[in-house]
PDB file of N, CA and C in Angstrom:
ATOM      1  N   MET A   1      30.729  51.149 -33.761  1.00  0.00           N
ATOM      2  CA  MET A   1      30.499  50.674 -32.435  1.00  0.00           C
ATOM      3  C   MET A   1      30.273  51.812 -31.647  1.00  0.00           C
ATOM      4  N   GLN A   2      29.458  51.696 -30.590  1.00  0.00           N
ATOM      5  CA  GLN A   2      29.143  52.600 -29.477  1.00  0.00           C
ATOM      6  C   GLN A   2      30.273  52.743 -28.829  1.00  0.00           C
ATOM      7  N   PRO A   3      30.455  53.833 -28.336  1.00  0.00           N
ATOM      8  CA  PRO A   3      31.721  54.246 -27.501  1.00  0.00           C
ATOM      9  C   PRO A   3      31.325  53.616 -25.964  1.00  0.00           C
ATOM     10  N   LEU A   4      32.389  52.969 -25.264  1.00  0.00           N
ATOM     11  CA  LEU A   4      32.190  52.423 -23.907  1.00  0.00           C
ATOM     12  C   LEU A   4      31.447  53.234 -22.889  1.00  0.00           C
ATOM     13  N   HIS A   5      31.787  54.378 -22.607  1.00  0.00           N
ATOM     14  CA  HIS A   5      31.287  55.018 -22.198  1.00  0.00           C
ATOM     15  C   HIS A   5      29.936  55.679 -22.127  1.00  0.00           C
ATOM     16  N   ASP A   6      29.476  55.864 -23.398  1.00  0.00           N
ATOM     17  CA  ASP A   6      28.042  56.023 -23.588  1.00  0.00           C
ATOM     18  C   ASP A   6      27.403  54.868 -23.334  1.00  0.00           C
ATOM     19  N   LEU A   7      27.840  53.658 -23.758  1.00  0.00           N
ATOM     20  CA  LEU A   7      27.127  52.500 -23.325  1.00  0.00           C
ATOM     21  C   LEU A   7      26.824  52.426 -22.082  1.00  0.00           C
ATOM     22  N   LEU A   8      27.775  52.560 -21.173  1.00  0.00           N
ATOM     23  CA  LEU A   8      27.730  52.319 -19.818  1.00  0.00           C
ATOM     24  C   LEU A   8      26.532  53.232 -19.066  1.00  0.00           C
ATOM     25  N   HIS A   9      26.579  54.629 -19.515  1.00  0.00           N
ATOM     26  CA  HIS A   9      25.726  55.520 -19.185  1.00  0.00           C
ATOM     27  C   HIS A   9      24.339  55.135 -19.558  1.00  0.00           C
ATOM     28  N   ARG A  10      24.295  54.671 -20.833  1.00  0.00           N
ATOM     29  CA  ARG A  10      22.892  54.037 -21.365  1.00  0.00           C
ATOM     30  C   ARG A  10      22.366  53.010 -20.270  1.00  0.00           C
ATOM     31  N   ILE A  11      23.418  52.041 -20.073  1.00  0.00           N
ATOM     32  CA  ILE A  11      22.798  50.892 -19.090  1.00  0.00           C
ATOM     33  C   ILE A  11      22.116  51.315 -17.911  1.00  0.00           C
ATOM     34  N   LYS A  12      23.060  52.236 -17.321  1.00  0.00           N
ATOM     35  CA  LYS A  12      22.698  53.064 -15.780  1.00  0.00           C
ATOM     36  C   LYS A  12      21.586  53.741 -16.119  1.00  0.00           C
ATOM     37  N   TRP A  13      21.160  54.747 -17.041  1.00  0.00           N
ATOM     38  CA  TRP A  13      20.230  55.651 -17.255  1.00  0.00           C
ATOM     39  C   TRP A  13      19.024  55.429 -17.830  1.00  0.00           C
ATOM     40  N   ASP A  14      19.154  54.653 -18.850  1.00  0.00           N
ATOM     41  CA  ASP A  14      18.112  54.217 -19.750  1.00  0.00           C
ATOM     42  C   ASP A  14      17.323  53.010 -19.132  1.00  0.00           C
ATOM     43  N   HIS A  15      16.604  52.952 -18.300  1.00  0.00           N
ATOM     44  CA  HIS A  15      15.834  51.717 -17.662  1.00  0.00           C
ATOM     45  C   HIS A  15      15.327  50.833 -18.575  1.00  0.00           C
ATOM     46  N   GLU A  16      14.766  51.265 -19.640  1.00  0.00           N
ATOM     47  CA  GLU A  16      14.238  50.110 -20.600  1.00  0.00           C
ATOM     48  C   GLU A  16      15.316  49.077 -21.309  1.00  0.00           C
ATOM     49  N   PHE A  17      16.558  50.194 -21.689  1.00  0.00           N
ATOM     50  CA  PHE A  17      17.697  49.420 -22.208  1.00  0.00           C
ATOM     51  C   PHE A  17      18.315  48.635 -20.928  1.00  0.00           C
ATOM     52  N   GLY A  18      18.402  49.190 -19.953  1.00  0.00           N
ATOM     53  CA  GLY A  18      19.115  48.424 -18.847  1.00  0.00           C
ATOM     54  C   GLY A  18      18.604  47.399 -18.170  1.00  0.00           C
ATOM     55  N   LYS A  19      17.570  46.762 -18.745  1.00  0.00           N
ATOM     56  CA  LYS A  19      16.802  45.513 -18.076  1.00  0.00           C
ATOM     57  C   LYS A  19      17.798  44.409 -18.528  1.00  0.00           C
ATOM     58  N   GLY A  20      17.945  43.497 -17.508  1.00  0.00           N
ATOM     59  CA  GLY A  20      19.073  42.460 -17.759  1.00  0.00           C
ATOM     60  C   GLY A  20      19.879  42.364 -16.802  1.00  0.00           C
ATOM     61  N   GLU A  21      20.836  41.418 -16.798  1.00  0.00           N
ATOM     62  CA  GLU A  21      21.992  41.210 -15.839  1.00  0.00           C
ATOM     63  C   GLU A  21      23.386  41.633 -16.746  1.00  0.00           C
ATOM     64  N   PHE A  22      23.785  42.753 -16.453  1.00  0.00           N
ATOM     65  CA  PHE A  22      24.831  43.469 -17.138  1.00  0.00           C
ATOM     66  C   PHE A  22      26.291  43.139 -16.472  1.00  0.00           C
ATOM     67  N   ALA A  23      27.616  42.855 -17.011  1.00  0.00           N
ATOM     68  CA  ALA A  23      28.662  42.719 -16.376  1.00  0.00           C
ATOM     69  C   ALA A  23      29.913  43.119 -17.361  1.00  0.00           C
ATOM     70  N   LEU A  24      31.020  43.632 -16.701  1.00  0.00           N
ATOM     71  CA  LEU A  24      31.819  43.998 -17.426  1.00  0.00           C
ATOM     72  C   LEU A  24      33.049  43.031 -17.114  1.00  0.00           C
ATOM     73  N   GLY A  25      33.713  42.875 -18.414  1.00  0.00           N
ATOM     74  CA  GLY A  25      35.214  42.037 -18.200  1.00  0.00           C
ATOM     75  C   GLY A  25      36.208  42.949 -18.579  1.00  0.00           C
ATOM     76  N   TYR A  26      37.082  42.763 -17.737  1.00  0.00           N
ATOM     77  CA  TYR A  26      38.318  43.748 -17.912  1.00  0.00           C
ATOM     78  C   TYR A  26      39.654  42.992 -17.712  1.00  0.00           C
ATOM     79  N   ASP A  27      40.861  43.316 -18.189  1.00  0.00           N
ATOM     80  CA  ASP A  27      41.997  42.939 -18.177  1.00  0.00           C
ATOM     81  C   ASP A  27      42.305  42.789 -16.622  1.00  0.00           C
ATOM     82  N   ASP A  28      42.889  42.128 -15.975  1.00  0.00           N
ATOM     83  CA  ASP A  28      43.469  42.232 -14.774  1.00  0.00           C
ATOM     84  C   ASP A  28      44.870  41.869 -14.880  1.00  0.00           C
ATOM     85  N   ARG A  29      45.700  42.600 -14.440  1.00  0.00           N
ATOM     86  CA  ARG A  29      47.017  42.776 -14.530  1.00  0.00           C
ATOM     87  C   ARG A  29      47.928  41.589 -13.688  1.00  0.00           C
ATOM     88  N   VAL A  30      47.148  41.177 -12.420  1.00  0.00           N
ATOM     89  CA  VAL A  30      47.782  40.266 -11.754  1.00  0.00           C
ATOM     90  C   VAL A  30      47.301  38.959 -12.055  1.00  0.00           C
ATOM     91  N   VAL A  31      46.413  38.718 -12.362  1.00  0.00           N
ATOM     92  CA  VAL A  31      45.944  37.228 -12.910  1.00  0.00           C
ATOM     93  C   VAL A  31      46.210  36.992 -14.318  1.00  0.00           C
ATOM     94  N   LEU A  32      46.209  37.947 -15.155  1.00  0.00           N
ATOM     95  CA  LEU A  32      46.592  38.026 -16.438  1.00  0.00           C
ATOM     96  C   LEU A  32      45.510  37.343 -17.227  1.00  0.00           C
ATOM     97  N   HIS A  33      44.321  37.682 -17.013  1.00  0.00           N
ATOM     98  CA  HIS A  33      43.016  37.095 -17.979  1.00  0.00           C
ATOM     99  C   HIS A  33      42.044  38.014 -17.592  1.00  0.00           C
ATOM    100  N   GLU A  34      40.933  37.942 -18.343  1.00  0.00           N
ATOM    101  CA  GLU A  34      39.623  38.738 -18.101  1.00  0.00           C
ATOM    102  C   GLU A  34      39.038  38.403 -16.853  1.00  0.00           C
ATOM    103  N   GLN A  35      38.647  39.606 -16.158  1.00  0.00           N
ATOM    104  CA  GLN A  35      37.978  39.302 -14.719  1.00  0.00           C
ATOM    105  C   GLN A  35      36.662  40.087 -15.094  1.00  0.00           C
ATOM    106  N   ILE A  36      35.521  39.247 -14.355  1.00  0.00           N
ATOM    107  CA  ILE A  36      34.223  39.828 -14.814  1.00  0.00           C
ATOM    108  C   ILE A  36      33.643  40.438 -13.248  1.00  0.00           C
ATOM    109  N   VAL A  37      33.018  41.519 -13.558  1.00  0.00           N
ATOM    110  CA  VAL A  37      32.309  42.171 -12.711  1.00  0.00           C
ATOM    111  C   VAL A  37      31.054  42.515 -12.835  1.00  0.00           C
ATOM    112  N   PRO A  38      30.085  42.184 -11.954  1.00  0.00           N
ATOM    113  CA  PRO A  38      28.466  42.539 -12.229  1.00  0.00           C
ATOM    114  C   PRO A  38      28.286  43.985 -12.369  1.00  0.00           C
ATOM    115  N   PHE A  39      27.645  44.715 -13.372  1.00  0.00           N
ATOM    116  CA  PHE A  39      27.301  45.917 -13.494  1.00  0.00           C
ATOM    117  C   PHE A  39      26.779  46.341 -12.093  1.00  0.00           C
ATOM    118  N   VAL A  40      25.896  45.757 -11.444  1.00  0.00           N
ATOM    119  CA  VAL A  40      25.381  46.344 -10.030  1.00  0.00           C
ATOM    120  C   VAL A  40      26.516  46.566  -9.041  1.00  0.00           C
ATOM    121  N   SER A  41      27.727  46.071  -9.192  1.00  0.00           N
ATOM    122  CA  SER A  41      28.743  46.284  -8.326  1.00  0.00           C
ATOM    123  C   SER A  41      29.552  47.425  -8.503  1.00  0.00           C
ATOM    124  N   ILE A  42      29.463  48.061  -9.821  1.00  0.00           N
ATOM    125  CA  ILE A  42      30.375  49.063 -10.074  1.00  0.00           C
ATOM    126  C   ILE A  42      29.915  50.445  -9.816  1.00  0.00           C
ATOM    127  N   SER A  43      30.651  51.447  -9.992  1.00  0.00           N
ATOM    128  CA  SER A  43      30.233  52.815  -9.589  1.00  0.00           C
ATOM    129  C   SER A  43      31.033  53.645 -10.560  1.00  0.00           C
ATOM    130  N   LEU A  44      30.224  54.427 -11.107  1.00  0.00           N
ATOM    131  CA  LEU A  44      30.869  55.608 -12.355  1.00  0.00           C
ATOM    132  C   LEU A  44      31.077  56.706 -11.506  1.00  0.00           C
ATOM    133  N   ASP A  45      32.250  57.363 -11.336  1.00  0.00           N
ATOM    134  CA  ASP A  45      32.285  58.627 -10.392  1.00  0.00           C
ATOM    135  C   ASP A  45      32.620  59.827 -11.515  1.00  0.00           C
ATOM    136  N   PRO A  46      31.783  60.948 -11.633  1.00  0.00           N
ATOM    137  CA  PRO A  46      31.920  62.120 -12.449  1.00  0.00           C
ATOM    138  C   PRO A  46      33.386  62.789 -12.233  1.00  0.00           C
ATOM    139  N   GLN A  47      33.722  62.285 -10.996  1.00  0.00           N
ATOM    140  CA  GLN A  47      35.391  63.040 -10.910  1.00  0.00           C
ATOM    141  C   GLN A  47      36.652  62.179 -11.247  1.00  0.00           C
ATOM    142  N   ARG A  48      36.120  60.769 -11.837  1.00  0.00           N
ATOM    143  CA  ARG A  48      37.142  59.878 -12.414  1.00  0.00           C
ATOM    144  C   ARG A  48      36.476  59.503 -13.672  1.00  0.00           C
ATOM    145  N   PRO A  49      35.989  60.144 -14.684  1.00  0.00           N
ATOM    146  CA  PRO A  49      35.146  59.929 -15.765  1.00  0.00           C
ATOM    147  C   PRO A  49      35.957  58.642 -16.326  1.00  0.00           C
ATOM    148  N   ALA A  50      37.322  58.636 -16.479  1.00  0.00           N
ATOM    149  CA  ALA A  50      37.901  57.377 -17.459  1.00  0.00           C
ATOM    150  C   ALA A  50      38.239  56.104 -16.371  1.00  0.00           C
ATOM    151  N   THR A  51      37.268  56.035 -15.331  1.00  0.00           N
ATOM    152  CA  THR A  51      37.584  54.664 -14.305  1.00  0.00           C
ATOM    153  C   THR A  51      36.066  54.181 -14.208  1.00  0.00           C
ATOM    154  N   PHE A  52      36.213  53.148 -13.609  1.00  0.00           N
ATOM    155  CA  PHE A  52      34.888  52.502 -13.052  1.00  0.00           C
ATOM    156  C   PHE A  52      35.565  52.008 -11.591  1.00  0.00           C
ATOM    157  N   SER A  53      34.702  51.858 -10.317  1.00  0.00           N
ATOM    158  CA  SER A  53      35.315  51.367  -9.319  1.00  0.00           C
ATOM    159  C   SER A  53      34.356  50.082  -8.689  1.00  0.00           C
ATOM    160  N   PHE A  54      34.758  49.372  -8.102  1.00  0.00           N
ATOM    161  CA  PHE A  54      34.070  48.420  -7.430  1.00  0.00           C
ATOM    162  C   PHE A  54      34.595  47.693  -6.164  1.00  0.00           C
ATOM    163  N   PRO A  55      34.048  47.335  -4.780  1.00  0.00           N
ATOM    164  CA  PRO A  55      34.405  46.811  -3.857  1.00  0.00           C
ATOM    165  C   PRO A  55      34.824  45.170  -4.136  1.00  0.00           C
ATOM    166  N   ASP A  56      35.922  44.979  -3.607  1.00  0.00           N
ATOM    167  CA  ASP A  56      36.070  43.356  -3.790  1.00  0.00           C
ATOM    168  C   ASP A  56      35.360  42.637  -2.446  1.00  0.00           C
ATOM    169  N   GLU A  57      35.583  41.402  -2.523  1.00  0.00           N
ATOM    170  CA  GLU A  57      35.024  40.519  -1.478  1.00  0.00           C
ATOM    171  C   GLU A  57      35.490  41.149   0.105  1.00  0.00           C
ATOM    172  N   ASN A  58      36.867  41.373   0.182  1.00  0.00           N
ATOM    173  CA  ASN A  58      37.431  42.050   1.291  1.00  0.00           C
ATOM    174  C   ASN A  58      36.941  43.692   1.686  1.00  0.00           C
ATOM    175  N   GLY A  59      36.172  44.182   0.668  1.00  0.00           N
ATOM    176  CA  GLY A  59      35.725  45.645   1.070  1.00  0.00           C
ATOM    177  C   GLY A  59      36.689  46.606   0.462  1.00  0.00           C
ATOM    178  N   ILE A  60      37.761  46.280  -0.182  1.00  0.00           N
ATOM    179  CA  ILE A  60      38.839  46.998  -0.961  1.00  0.00           C
ATOM    180  C   ILE A  60      38.336  47.598  -2.271  1.00  0.00           C
ATOM    181  N   VAL A  61      38.064  48.916  -2.367  1.00  0.00           N
ATOM    182  CA  VAL A  61      37.696  49.450  -3.393  1.00  0.00           C
ATOM    183  C   VAL A  61      38.822  49.592  -4.650  1.00  0.00           C
ATOM    184  N   HIS A  62      38.515  49.065  -5.803  1.00  0.00           N
ATOM    185  CA  HIS A  62      39.452  49.021  -6.900  1.00  0.00           C
ATOM    186  C   HIS A  62      38.838  50.052  -8.010  1.00  0.00           C
ATOM    187  N   HIS A  63      39.731  50.794  -8.294  1.00  0.00           N
ATOM    188  CA  HIS A  63      39.590  51.815  -9.634  1.00  0.00           C
ATOM    189  C   HIS A  63      40.251  51.153 -10.628  1.00  0.00           C
ATOM    190  N   ILE A  64      39.699  50.700 -12.010  1.00  0.00           N
ATOM    191  CA  ILE A  64      39.942  50.274 -13.145  1.00  0.00           C
ATOM    192  C   ILE A  64      39.678  51.139 -14.021  1.00  0.00           C
ATOM    193  N   PRO A  65      40.556  51.565 -14.935  1.00  0.00           N
ATOM    194  CA  PRO A  65      40.611  52.447 -16.131  1.00  0.00           C
ATOM    195  C   PRO A  65      40.000  51.772 -17.073  1.00  0.00           C
ATOM    196  N   LEU A  66      38.750  52.577 -17.807  1.00  0.00           N
ATOM    197  CA  LEU A  66      37.806  52.247 -18.748  1.00  0.00           C
ATOM    198  C   LEU A  66      38.439  51.671 -19.871  1.00  0.00           C
ATOM    199  N   HIS A  67      39.982  51.936 -20.370  1.00  0.00           N
ATOM    200  CA  HIS A  67      40.612  51.384 -21.270  1.00  0.00           C
ATOM    201  C   HIS A  67      41.037  49.860 -21.133  1.00  0.00           C
ATOM    202  N   ARG A  68      40.808  49.262 -19.891  1.00  0.00           N
ATOM    203  CA  ARG A  68      41.199  48.166 -19.685  1.00  0.00           C
ATOM    204  C   ARG A  68      39.965  47.185 -19.598  1.00  0.00           C
ATOM    205  N   VAL A  69      38.632  47.894 -20.168  1.00  0.00           N
ATOM    206  CA  VAL A  69      37.582  47.141 -20.345  1.00  0.00           C
ATOM    207  C   VAL A  69      37.473  46.356 -21.604  1.00  0.00           C
ATOM    208  N   ARG A  70      37.118  45.054 -21.629  1.00  0.00           N
ATOM    209  CA  ARG A  70      37.323  44.479 -23.009  1.00  0.00           C
ATOM    210  C   ARG A  70      36.247  44.028 -23.609  1.00  0.00           C
ATOM    211  N   THR A  71      35.007  43.892 -22.704  1.00  0.00           N
ATOM    212  CA  THR A  71      34.073  43.011 -22.962  1.00  0.00           C
ATOM    213  C   THR A  71      32.557  43.842 -22.052  1.00  0.00           C
ATOM    214  N   VAL A  72      31.560  43.874 -22.428  1.00  0.00           N
ATOM    215  CA  VAL A  72      30.339  44.026 -21.916  1.00  0.00           C
ATOM    216  C   VAL A  72      29.229  42.803 -22.247  1.00  0.00           C
ATOM    217  N   TYR A  73      28.623  42.128 -20.899  1.00  0.00           N
ATOM    218  CA  TYR A  73      28.057  41.110 -21.177  1.00  0.00           C
ATOM    219  C   TYR A  73      26.701  41.504 -20.768  1.00  0.00           C
ATOM    220  N   LYS A  74      25.621  41.100 -21.388  1.00  0.00           N
ATOM    221  CA  LYS A  74      24.206  41.175 -21.029  1.00  0.00           C
ATOM    222  C   LYS A  74      23.738  39.918 -21.066  1.00  0.00           C
ATOM    223  N   ASP A  75      23.216  39.421 -19.957  1.00  0.00           N
ATOM    224  CA  ASP A  75      22.533  38.116 -19.684  1.00  0.00           C
ATOM    225  C   ASP A  75      23.269  36.971 -20.104  1.00  0.00           C
ATOM    226  N   GLY A  76      24.645  37.082 -19.836  1.00  0.00           N
ATOM    227  CA  GLY A  76      25.837  36.399 -19.979  1.00  0.00           C
ATOM    228  C   GLY A  76      26.231  36.359 -21.757  1.00  0.00           C
ATOM    229  N   VAL A  77      25.542  37.114 -22.521  1.00  0.00           N
ATOM    230  CA  VAL A  77      26.002  37.230 -23.929  1.00  0.00           C
ATOM    231  C   VAL A  77      26.724  38.424 -24.254  1.00  0.00           C
ATOM    232  N   VAL A  78      27.820  38.277 -25.035  1.00  0.00           N
ATOM    233  CA  VAL A  78      28.622  39.491 -25.294  1.00  0.00           C
ATOM    234  C   VAL A  78      27.754  40.457 -26.031  1.00  0.00           C
ATOM    235  N   MET A  79      27.838  41.693 -25.633  1.00  0.00           N
ATOM    236  CA  MET A  79      27.184  42.771 -26.442  1.00  0.00           C
ATOM    237  C   MET A  79      27.949  43.921 -26.876  1.00  0.00           C
ATOM    238  N   TRP A  80      29.128  44.097 -26.166  1.00  0.00           N
ATOM    239  CA  TRP A  80      30.162  44.824 -26.949  1.00  0.00           C
ATOM    240  C   TRP A  80      31.350  44.462 -26.438  1.00  0.00           C
ATOM    241  N   GLN A  81      32.362  44.587 -27.349  1.00  0.00           N
ATOM    242  CA  GLN A  81      33.724  44.134 -27.315  1.00  0.00           C
ATOM    243  C   GLN A  81      34.717  44.914 -27.961  1.00  0.00           C
ATOM    244  N   ARG A  82      35.825  45.451 -27.135  1.00  0.00           N
ATOM    245  CA  ARG A  82      36.891  46.184 -27.690  1.00  0.00           C
ATOM    246  C   ARG A  82      37.443  45.505 -28.787  1.00  0.00           C
ATOM    247  N   PRO A  83      37.502  46.113 -30.194  1.00  0.00           N
ATOM    248  CA  PRO A  83      38.432  45.532 -31.247  1.00  0.00           C
ATOM    249  C   PRO A  83      39.607  45.094 -30.769  1.00  0.00           C
ATOM    250  N   GLY A  84      39.763  43.851 -31.362  1.00  0.00           N
ATOM    251  CA  GLY A  84      41.222  43.057 -31.529  1.00  0.00           C
ATOM    252  C   GLY A  84      41.343  42.339 -30.073  1.00  0.00           C
ATOM    253  N   HIS A  85      40.200  42.163 -29.289  1.00  0.00           N
ATOM    254  CA  HIS A  85      40.395  41.621 -27.727  1.00  0.00           C
ATOM    255  C   HIS A  85      39.133  40.433 -27.991  1.00  0.00           C
ATOM    256  N   PRO A  86      39.360  39.371 -28.526  1.00  0.00           N
ATOM    257  CA  PRO A  86      38.242  38.404 -28.254  1.00  0.00           C
ATOM    258  C   PRO A  86      37.892  37.832 -27.059  1.00  0.00           C
ATOM    259  N   ALA A  87      36.903  37.672 -26.897  1.00  0.00           N
ATOM    260  CA  ALA A  87      36.351  37.665 -25.265  1.00  0.00           C
ATOM    261  C   ALA A  87      36.851  35.931 -24.729  1.00  0.00           C
ATOM    262  N   GLY A  88      37.245  35.911 -23.727  1.00  0.00           N
ATOM    263  CA  GLY A  88      37.944  34.931 -23.170  1.00  0.00           C
ATOM    264  C   GLY A  88      39.416  34.599 -23.070  1.00  0.00           C
ATOM    265  N   ASP A  89      39.856  35.746 -23.839  1.00  0.00           N
ATOM    266  CA  ASP A  89      41.333  35.410 -24.105  1.00  0.00           C
ATOM    267  C   ASP A  89      42.251  36.174 -22.591  1.00  0.00           C
TER     268      ASP A  89
END
């Protein structure tokens, strides 16, 4: 399986591969289930390579560790999944 950080960079920089609607599903420790964030909403900061960031509806920026990403979706279909974590759990 392709490492997550490689996949995220490929989605961002390989324009042919990155066509489509991508989203990340991550473990949210407050609501205790997977939250889904559109890929267009996230930022990958080279100063924080083990995280992604996104603003919520109130403009508050959240920094999520990549180890909490469980699923990557393309056009609503699972294209990458962390071993041992079925989608939707």
